[in-house]
Amino acid sequence: PWRQVGARRLHLVHEPPSPEADLRSMTGNDLLRHVAEHSQQPFAKYSLEDLLRLNELSAQERLLHLDEVLHVGISKIILLLQDLPMGFGIRGPIREVIQDYVADIRDLRANPPDDPEAFQACILAIFSRHRGMLGQIARGLRDFQQEALKEFEPVASLNVTGLADCESVPAVQKIQRTLDEFFTVRTTLRLLIAHCMQLAPEDRREEMGFAMHQLLQRIPDSLRRESSGAMQARHVGAICLDTRPSVILIEAYRHAHFMCKRQFNRASKLVVNGMSAKKFLAGGMDHTIVETHFPYVDIHLYFVFFEVLKNALLASIKKAGPDEEPPPIHASLITGTSLSFENERTVKITDNGEGINRDDVRKVWSYFHSDVKEDLTNWPGGPEYCGTLSEPQPEQPRRGALLGRR
């Protein structure tokens, strides 16, 4: 199996050494075979029903299942990232990511689920190890694009072409597809870790400390109290049986607003269904709270809202200029329709920013395109934000994610 996998490798840049060489020098051929064999096994996504069914297993059976899936998923990630064209996988930040996943495999092999206590400690260490991984991927993308622009300078009077404009180039297509698959596998693994650990958090509550505190991300009690008549949310593992998009939307806005104010000293207000967010929470939700709750992974919905609202806040500030207050952001939650009885909900978020240039619309899903000029890599937010969804503490930025998004 390793020869078959190895035959597909193509590294166009030979310095520094390839990630495969790193893997061999760190752990030997035995781990190479382990990664190659497990990477060939099928890896499936999880539906809500699949996650709920894990609750029917015993604690030991869940750990065995988690161990099996982690070996397969992490092995696939290692080969995905180092099997990319144009030397993408040997960029410094990408190599660091690969080496972290190699360390995961080594730790899993040293701490099998036969010893539940050691295995759970290992899982939490793996979860924490990858807190800054999305920033590493972003730096790898930036370094790779800068190097590509140097290697392929335009001739004559031709303009510089970024990789986001080269979507028809097979090598660029493969990088984009691979990163899509990488983030899908990564998201699944982190969700599965959080779900399995939260199904029985009392087993090692005291010893897990802050690491488990990171996993138990919930809408805070203070926010629930602000909406009169709100139901107490019930959870099965990572699944909230009473997910309410309106509550999560406003909590995501509160964090994005806080970070924007700290970075730029101003931020747009949020208007929900024609009223201020505070007024909406205080009284506007009473008649909709029952109609709009449903089972979902609430923390995932939070991160989606956070990313959209963060971008809306940045666009509004950019449009307003340095001396004007940015215009409000509007959110519309569709309620009181047949949607309440179907398996879908509609939330519309609108800002008054500059919009997207027509020529850039097709590029928005490219990993190589961004129109953000400010350095936001140090924001304690976005897909890397971690916390209990309570009031952010500016002196203690928190990182680590249940989910990755580009």
Protein backbone atom coordinates (compact mmCIF):
# COMPACT_ATOMS: atom_id res chain seq x y z
CA PRO A 1 0.00 0.00 0.00
CA TRP A 2 2.79 2.44 0.76
CA ARG A 3 4.40 1.97 -2.65
CA GLN A 4 1.06 2.65 -4.30
CA VAL A 5 0.57 5.80 -2.26
CA GLY A 6 4.18 6.85 -2.67
CA ALA A 7 4.01 6.46 -6.43
CA ARG A 8 1.57 9.36 -6.54
CA ARG A 9 3.93 11.77 -4.79
CA LEU A 10 5.29 14.69 -6.80
CA HIS A 11 7.36 17.36 -5.06
CA LEU A 12 8.62 19.96 -7.54
CA VAL A 13 10.64 21.77 -4.88
CA HIS A 14 13.37 19.72 -3.22
CA GLU A 15 14.48 22.00 -0.39
CA PRO A 16 13.76 21.75 2.48
CA PRO A 17 13.20 17.97 2.90
CA SER A 18 9.75 16.64 2.10
CA PRO A 19 7.15 15.95 4.81
CA GLU A 20 7.52 12.25 3.98
CA ALA A 21 11.18 12.46 4.98
CA ASP A 22 10.14 14.24 8.18
CA LEU A 23 7.68 11.44 8.90
CA ARG A 24 10.28 8.73 8.32
CA SER A 25 12.98 10.40 10.37
CA MET A 26 10.60 11.08 13.28
CA THR A 27 8.93 7.74 13.63
CA GLY A 28 10.31 5.14 11.25
CA ASN A 29 8.80 3.00 8.53
CA ASP A 30 6.34 1.35 10.89
CA LEU A 31 4.38 4.56 11.31
CA LEU A 32 4.63 5.20 7.56
CA ARG A 33 2.92 1.88 6.93
CA HIS A 34 0.34 2.66 9.60
CA VAL A 35 -0.56 5.98 7.94
CA ALA A 36 -0.63 4.47 4.45
CA GLU A 37 -2.88 1.58 5.46
CA HIS A 38 -5.34 3.65 7.47
CA SER A 39 -5.56 6.36 4.81
CA GLN A 40 -7.01 3.77 2.41
CA GLN A 41 -9.96 3.01 4.69
CA PRO A 42 -13.30 4.75 4.09
CA PHE A 43 -14.08 7.90 6.05
CA ALA A 44 -17.72 8.95 6.41
CA LYS A 45 -19.36 12.17 7.55
CA TYR A 46 -21.80 12.12 10.46
CA SER A 47 -25.45 13.10 10.37
CA LEU A 48 -27.29 14.24 13.50
CA GLU A 49 -28.85 10.77 13.68
CA ASP A 50 -25.39 9.16 13.55
CA LEU A 51 -24.15 11.34 16.40
CA LEU A 52 -27.24 10.65 18.52
CA ARG A 53 -26.81 6.91 18.00
CA LEU A 54 -23.37 7.10 19.61
CA ASN A 55 -25.21 7.76 22.87
CA GLU A 56 -26.51 4.18 22.72
CA LEU A 57 -22.95 2.81 22.99
CA SER A 58 -21.15 2.23 26.24
CA ALA A 59 -18.42 4.70 27.21
CA GLN A 60 -15.72 2.17 26.26
CA GLU A 61 -17.36 1.45 22.90
CA ARG A 62 -17.46 5.17 22.11
CA LEU A 63 -13.75 5.51 22.89
CA LEU A 64 -12.96 2.55 20.63
CA HIS A 65 -15.02 4.08 17.85
CA LEU A 66 -13.37 7.48 18.31
CA ASP A 67 -9.91 5.89 18.24
CA GLU A 68 -10.66 4.07 14.99
CA VAL A 69 -12.04 7.15 13.26
CA LEU A 70 -9.16 9.35 14.42
CA HIS A 71 -6.53 6.98 13.02
CA VAL A 72 -8.28 6.93 9.64
CA GLY A 73 -9.06 10.65 9.46
CA ILE A 74 -5.65 11.89 10.62
CA SER A 75 -3.86 9.49 8.27
CA LYS A 76 -5.92 10.83 5.37
CA ILE A 77 -5.06 14.40 6.35
CA ILE A 78 -1.32 13.65 6.44
CA LEU A 79 -1.34 12.22 2.93
CA LEU A 80 -3.70 14.89 1.59
CA LEU A 81 -1.45 17.75 2.66
CA GLN A 82 1.84 16.26 1.55
CA ASP A 83 0.55 14.91 -1.76
CA LEU A 84 -0.04 18.35 -3.30
CA PRO A 85 1.58 19.77 -6.46
CA MET A 86 3.94 22.72 -6.91
CA GLY A 87 5.63 22.10 -3.56
CA PHE A 88 2.64 23.32 -1.54
CA GLY A 89 3.11 20.64 1.13
CA ILE A 90 6.71 21.61 1.90
CA ARG A 91 5.96 25.23 2.81
CA GLY A 92 7.08 25.84 6.38
CA PRO A 93 3.62 26.43 7.90
CA ILE A 94 2.11 23.44 6.05
CA ARG A 95 4.96 21.18 7.16
CA GLU A 96 4.30 22.23 10.75
CA VAL A 97 0.64 21.26 10.35
CA ILE A 98 1.63 17.86 8.92
CA GLN A 99 4.10 17.29 11.75
CA ASP A 100 1.38 18.07 14.30
CA TYR A 101 -0.85 15.42 12.75
CA VAL A 102 2.07 12.97 12.76
CA ALA A 103 2.43 13.68 16.48
CA ASP A 104 -1.29 12.90 16.86
CA ILE A 105 -0.81 9.44 15.35
CA ARG A 106 2.22 8.79 17.52
CA ASP A 107 0.30 9.82 20.67
CA LEU A 108 -2.75 7.74 19.73
CA ARG A 109 -0.59 4.66 19.23
CA ALA A 110 1.08 5.23 22.60
CA ASN A 111 -2.28 5.71 24.40
CA PRO A 112 -4.84 3.18 23.16
CA PRO A 113 -8.42 3.26 24.52
CA ASP A 114 -7.65 0.20 26.67
CA ASP A 115 -6.59 2.80 29.24
CA PRO A 116 -9.56 5.22 29.13
CA GLU A 117 -7.94 7.82 31.37
CA ALA A 118 -4.72 8.04 29.34
CA PHE A 119 -6.67 7.93 26.07
CA GLN A 120 -8.97 10.82 27.04
CA ALA A 121 -5.99 12.89 28.15
CA CYS A 122 -4.39 12.15 24.78
CA ILE A 123 -7.56 13.23 22.94
CA LEU A 124 -7.70 16.53 24.81
CA ALA A 125 -4.01 17.14 24.04
CA ILE A 126 -4.72 16.53 20.35
CA PHE A 127 -7.70 18.87 20.47
CA SER A 128 -5.59 21.63 22.02
CA ARG A 129 -2.58 21.06 19.74
CA HIS A 130 -4.44 22.30 16.70
CA ARG A 131 -5.82 25.55 18.10
CA GLY A 132 -3.74 27.78 15.81
CA MET A 133 -3.83 25.45 12.82
CA LEU A 134 -6.08 27.62 10.66
CA GLY A 135 -3.63 30.48 11.01
CA GLN A 136 -0.84 28.14 9.90
CA ILE A 137 -2.81 27.13 6.81
CA ALA A 138 -3.48 30.80 6.02
CA ARG A 139 0.24 31.59 6.27
CA GLY A 140 1.06 28.61 4.08
CA LEU A 141 -1.40 29.83 1.44
CA ARG A 142 0.09 33.33 1.57
CA ASP A 143 3.69 32.09 1.33
CA PHE A 144 2.80 29.72 -1.50
CA GLN A 145 1.07 32.45 -3.51
CA GLN A 146 3.92 34.91 -2.99
CA GLU A 147 6.45 32.31 -4.15
CA ALA A 148 4.31 31.44 -7.17
CA LEU A 149 4.10 35.11 -8.18
CA LYS A 150 7.88 35.36 -8.02
CA GLU A 151 8.39 32.22 -10.10
CA PHE A 152 5.85 33.16 -12.77
CA GLU A 153 6.34 36.88 -13.35
CA PRO A 154 4.35 38.40 -16.22
CA VAL A 155 6.16 39.23 -19.45
CA ALA A 156 5.87 42.32 -21.64
CA SER A 157 2.84 44.43 -20.66
CA LEU A 158 0.78 41.60 -19.13
CA ASN A 159 -0.68 42.20 -15.69
CA VAL A 160 0.19 40.18 -12.61
CA THR A 161 -2.19 37.23 -12.24
CA GLY A 162 -3.02 35.81 -8.81
CA LEU A 163 -3.75 32.15 -8.20
CA ALA A 164 -7.43 32.99 -7.65
CA ASP A 165 -7.50 33.87 -11.37
CA CYS A 166 -5.98 30.51 -12.32
CA GLU A 167 -8.89 28.26 -11.41
CA SER A 168 -8.56 26.34 -14.71
CA VAL A 169 -4.96 25.32 -13.93
CA PRO A 170 -5.04 21.62 -12.88
CA ALA A 171 -2.48 22.07 -10.07
CA VAL A 172 -4.48 24.94 -8.54
CA GLN A 173 -7.69 22.94 -8.89
CA LYS A 174 -6.13 20.04 -7.03
CA ILE A 175 -4.98 22.28 -4.19
CA GLN A 176 -8.47 23.76 -3.86
CA ARG A 177 -10.18 20.34 -3.88
CA THR A 178 -7.70 18.92 -1.41
CA LEU A 179 -8.14 21.79 1.03
CA ASP A 180 -11.92 21.32 0.81
CA GLU A 181 -11.49 17.66 1.72
CA PHE A 182 -8.97 18.50 4.44
CA PHE A 183 -11.33 20.93 6.17
CA THR A 184 -14.21 18.47 5.88
CA VAL A 185 -12.20 15.72 7.58
CA ARG A 186 -10.81 18.12 10.19
CA THR A 187 -14.25 19.47 11.04
CA THR A 188 -15.66 15.96 11.38
CA LEU A 189 -12.85 14.85 13.69
CA ARG A 190 -13.14 17.85 15.99
CA LEU A 191 -16.91 17.54 16.14
CA LEU A 192 -16.63 13.83 16.95
CA ILE A 193 -14.10 14.51 19.72
CA ALA A 194 -16.31 17.17 21.27
CA HIS A 195 -19.43 15.03 20.97
CA CYS A 196 -17.92 11.86 22.47
CA MET A 197 -16.28 13.73 25.33
CA GLN A 198 -19.45 15.65 26.15
CA LEU A 199 -21.60 12.53 26.22
CA ALA A 200 -19.92 11.59 29.50
CA PRO A 201 -18.14 14.73 30.78
CA GLU A 202 -18.54 13.72 34.41
CA ASP A 203 -16.01 10.87 34.05
CA ARG A 204 -13.02 13.19 34.50
CA ARG A 205 -14.56 16.61 35.02
CA GLU A 206 -12.03 17.80 37.60
CA GLU A 207 -8.92 16.50 35.83
CA MET A 208 -9.87 17.76 32.38
CA GLY A 209 -9.84 21.35 33.57
CA PHE A 210 -9.62 24.06 30.93
CA ALA A 211 -9.40 21.65 28.00
CA MET A 212 -12.86 20.25 28.75
CA HIS A 213 -14.05 23.78 29.50
CA GLN A 214 -13.18 24.59 25.89
CA LEU A 215 -15.27 21.71 24.61
CA LEU A 216 -18.35 22.62 26.63
CA GLN A 217 -19.24 25.64 24.55
CA ARG A 218 -22.79 26.77 25.27
CA ILE A 219 -25.01 29.77 25.01
CA PRO A 220 -24.47 31.43 28.42
CA ASP A 221 -27.09 31.47 31.13
CA SER A 222 -26.91 35.29 31.18
CA LEU A 223 -28.06 35.38 27.58
CA ARG A 224 -30.92 32.96 28.24
CA ARG A 225 -32.12 35.15 31.09
CA GLU A 226 -32.31 38.14 28.78
CA SER A 227 -35.08 36.49 26.77
CA SER A 228 -38.15 36.15 28.92
CA GLY A 229 -39.83 32.81 28.68
CA ALA A 230 -36.82 31.19 27.02
CA MET A 231 -36.56 27.45 27.43
CA GLN A 232 -33.53 25.84 29.01
CA ALA A 233 -31.56 24.28 26.17
CA ARG A 234 -31.02 20.53 26.35
CA HIS A 235 -27.92 18.86 24.95
CA VAL A 236 -26.97 15.34 23.94
CA GLY A 237 -23.24 15.53 23.52
CA ALA A 238 -22.50 18.37 21.09
CA ILE A 239 -26.08 18.46 19.79
CA CYS A 240 -28.42 21.08 21.20
CA LEU A 241 -31.98 19.74 21.04
CA ASP A 242 -33.39 23.27 21.41
CA THR A 243 -31.20 25.29 19.04
CA ARG A 244 -32.61 28.80 18.59
CA PRO A 245 -30.98 30.68 15.69
CA SER A 246 -32.09 34.10 16.96
CA VAL A 247 -30.30 33.66 20.31
CA ILE A 248 -27.14 32.34 18.67
CA LEU A 249 -27.19 35.10 16.02
CA ILE A 250 -27.22 37.83 18.64
CA GLU A 251 -24.54 36.14 20.75
CA ALA A 252 -22.29 35.84 17.67
CA TYR A 253 -22.90 39.53 16.97
CA ARG A 254 -21.96 40.47 20.54
CA HIS A 255 -18.56 38.82 20.15
CA ALA A 256 -17.92 40.19 16.66
CA HIS A 257 -19.00 43.66 17.81
CA PHE A 258 -16.72 43.49 20.86
CA MET A 259 -13.70 42.51 18.77
CA CYS A 260 -14.43 45.11 16.11
CA LYS A 261 -14.74 47.86 18.73
CA ARG A 262 -11.45 46.83 20.27
CA GLN A 263 -9.67 46.75 16.91
CA PHE A 264 -11.19 49.85 15.25
CA ASN A 265 -12.94 51.65 18.13
CA ARG A 266 -16.30 51.50 16.33
CA ALA A 267 -18.76 48.95 15.02
CA SER A 268 -22.18 48.79 13.40
CA LYS A 269 -25.31 48.14 15.41
CA LEU A 270 -27.45 45.09 14.69
CA VAL A 271 -31.13 45.42 13.80
CA VAL A 272 -33.17 42.20 14.00
CA ASN A 273 -36.60 42.13 12.36
CA GLY A 274 -36.71 45.92 12.45
CA MET A 275 -35.75 46.35 16.13
CA SER A 276 -32.49 46.62 18.04
CA ALA A 277 -30.89 43.36 19.09
CA LYS A 278 -31.35 44.23 22.77
CA LYS A 279 -35.03 45.03 22.29
CA PHE A 280 -35.50 41.88 20.23
CA LEU A 281 -34.02 39.76 23.02
CA ALA A 282 -36.01 41.55 25.69
CA GLY A 283 -39.44 41.11 24.17
CA GLY A 284 -39.42 40.38 20.48
CA MET A 285 -38.72 36.66 20.82
CA ASP A 286 -41.56 35.67 23.13
CA HIS A 287 -43.94 34.63 20.37
CA THR A 288 -41.32 32.88 18.21
CA ILE A 289 -39.17 31.02 20.71
CA VAL A 290 -41.20 27.82 20.58
CA GLU A 291 -41.58 27.86 16.81
CA THR A 292 -37.90 28.23 15.99
CA HIS A 293 -36.08 25.68 18.14
CA PHE A 294 -34.78 22.46 16.59
CA PRO A 295 -31.93 19.92 17.03
CA TYR A 296 -28.60 21.11 15.66
CA VAL A 297 -24.92 21.46 16.53
CA ASP A 298 -25.37 24.93 17.95
CA ILE A 299 -21.68 25.83 18.10
CA HIS A 300 -21.38 25.26 14.33
CA LEU A 301 -24.25 27.65 13.72
CA TYR A 302 -22.52 30.16 15.99
CA PHE A 303 -19.34 30.07 13.92
CA VAL A 304 -21.27 30.52 10.65
CA PHE A 305 -23.06 33.57 12.06
CA PHE A 306 -19.83 34.92 13.54
CA GLU A 307 -17.99 34.78 10.21
CA VAL A 308 -20.82 36.45 8.27
CA LEU A 309 -21.30 39.16 10.89
CA LYS A 310 -17.56 39.79 11.23
CA ASN A 311 -17.27 40.34 7.48
CA ALA A 312 -20.35 42.58 7.50
CA LEU A 313 -18.86 44.69 10.32
CA LEU A 314 -15.56 45.07 8.48
CA ALA A 315 -17.30 45.97 5.20
CA SER A 316 -19.44 48.58 6.95
CA ILE A 317 -16.42 50.21 8.61
CA LYS A 318 -14.55 50.29 5.31
CA LYS A 319 -17.50 51.92 3.54
CA ALA A 320 -18.05 54.52 6.28
CA GLY A 321 -14.47 55.75 6.24
CA PRO A 322 -12.38 56.92 9.19
CA ASP A 323 -14.65 59.73 10.37
CA GLU A 324 -18.17 58.33 10.03
CA GLU A 325 -20.14 55.90 12.16
CA PRO A 326 -20.74 52.68 10.18
CA PRO A 327 -24.36 51.98 9.16
CA PRO A 328 -26.33 49.25 10.97
CA ILE A 329 -26.42 45.60 9.91
CA HIS A 330 -29.88 44.13 9.37
CA ALA A 331 -30.92 40.54 10.13
CA SER A 332 -34.28 39.03 9.20
CA LEU A 333 -35.49 35.81 10.79
CA ILE A 334 -38.37 34.21 8.90
CA THR A 335 -40.94 32.90 11.39
CA GLY A 336 -44.62 32.09 11.46
CA THR A 337 -44.59 30.26 8.12
CA SER A 338 -44.56 26.68 6.95
CA LEU A 339 -40.79 26.74 7.51
CA SER A 340 -41.50 26.12 11.20
CA PHE A 341 -42.78 22.67 10.31
CA GLU A 342 -40.05 21.80 7.80
CA ASN A 343 -36.41 20.85 8.12
CA GLU A 344 -35.07 24.31 7.23
CA ARG A 345 -34.86 27.84 8.57
CA THR A 346 -34.10 31.15 6.84
CA VAL A 347 -31.92 33.93 8.25
CA LYS A 348 -30.99 36.89 6.05
CA ILE A 349 -28.12 39.22 6.99
CA THR A 350 -27.61 42.46 5.07
CA ASP A 351 -24.94 45.15 5.33
CA ASN A 352 -24.34 48.43 3.49
CA GLY A 353 -20.70 47.87 2.66
CA GLU A 354 -19.05 48.40 -0.69
CA GLY A 355 -20.11 45.02 -1.98
CA ILE A 356 -18.07 42.69 -4.17
CA ASN A 357 -16.62 43.71 -7.51
CA ARG A 358 -18.31 41.90 -10.35
CA ASP A 359 -14.96 40.47 -11.48
CA ASP A 360 -14.34 39.08 -7.99
CA VAL A 361 -17.67 37.27 -7.52
CA ARG A 362 -16.37 34.05 -9.07
CA LYS A 363 -13.27 34.18 -6.83
CA VAL A 364 -14.97 34.36 -3.44
CA TRP A 365 -14.74 30.60 -2.90
CA SER A 366 -11.03 30.49 -3.75
CA TYR A 367 -8.57 29.93 -0.93
CA PHE A 368 -6.23 32.34 -2.73
CA HIS A 369 -8.58 35.34 -2.78
CA SER A 370 -9.10 37.97 -0.10
CA ASP A 371 -9.92 41.67 -0.19
CA VAL A 372 -9.10 42.21 3.50
CA LYS A 373 -6.04 44.41 3.76
CA GLU A 374 -5.93 44.77 7.55
CA ASP A 375 -3.93 42.21 9.51
CA LEU A 376 -6.64 40.36 11.43
CA THR A 377 -4.60 37.25 12.18
CA ASN A 378 -4.32 38.23 15.84
CA TRP A 379 -8.05 38.68 16.37
CA PRO A 380 -9.23 36.30 19.09
CA GLY A 381 -12.12 35.34 16.86
CA GLY A 382 -13.27 33.75 13.64
CA PRO A 383 -13.02 30.01 13.14
CA GLU A 384 -10.26 29.86 15.75
CA TYR A 385 -12.32 31.51 18.49
CA CYS A 386 -12.89 29.42 21.55
CA GLY A 387 -14.73 30.05 24.75
CA THR A 388 -17.98 29.45 26.55
CA LEU A 389 -19.83 32.07 24.50
CA SER A 390 -19.92 34.35 27.52
CA GLU A 391 -18.72 37.94 27.69
CA PRO A 392 -15.28 38.10 25.98
CA GLN A 393 -12.35 38.99 28.21
CA PRO A 394 -10.01 41.37 26.34
CA GLU A 395 -7.01 40.52 28.47
CA GLN A 396 -7.37 36.79 27.82
CA PRO A 397 -7.95 36.06 24.12
CA ARG A 398 -8.98 32.45 23.69
CA ARG A 399 -8.32 30.20 20.73
CA GLY A 400 -9.20 26.70 19.51
CA ALA A 401 -12.07 25.57 17.34
CA LEU A 402 -14.63 22.87 16.96
CA LEU A 403 -14.79 23.69 13.35
CA GLY A 404 -12.64 25.11 10.54
CA ARG A 405 -13.88 27.32 7.85
CA ARG A 406 -11.99 29.11 5.22
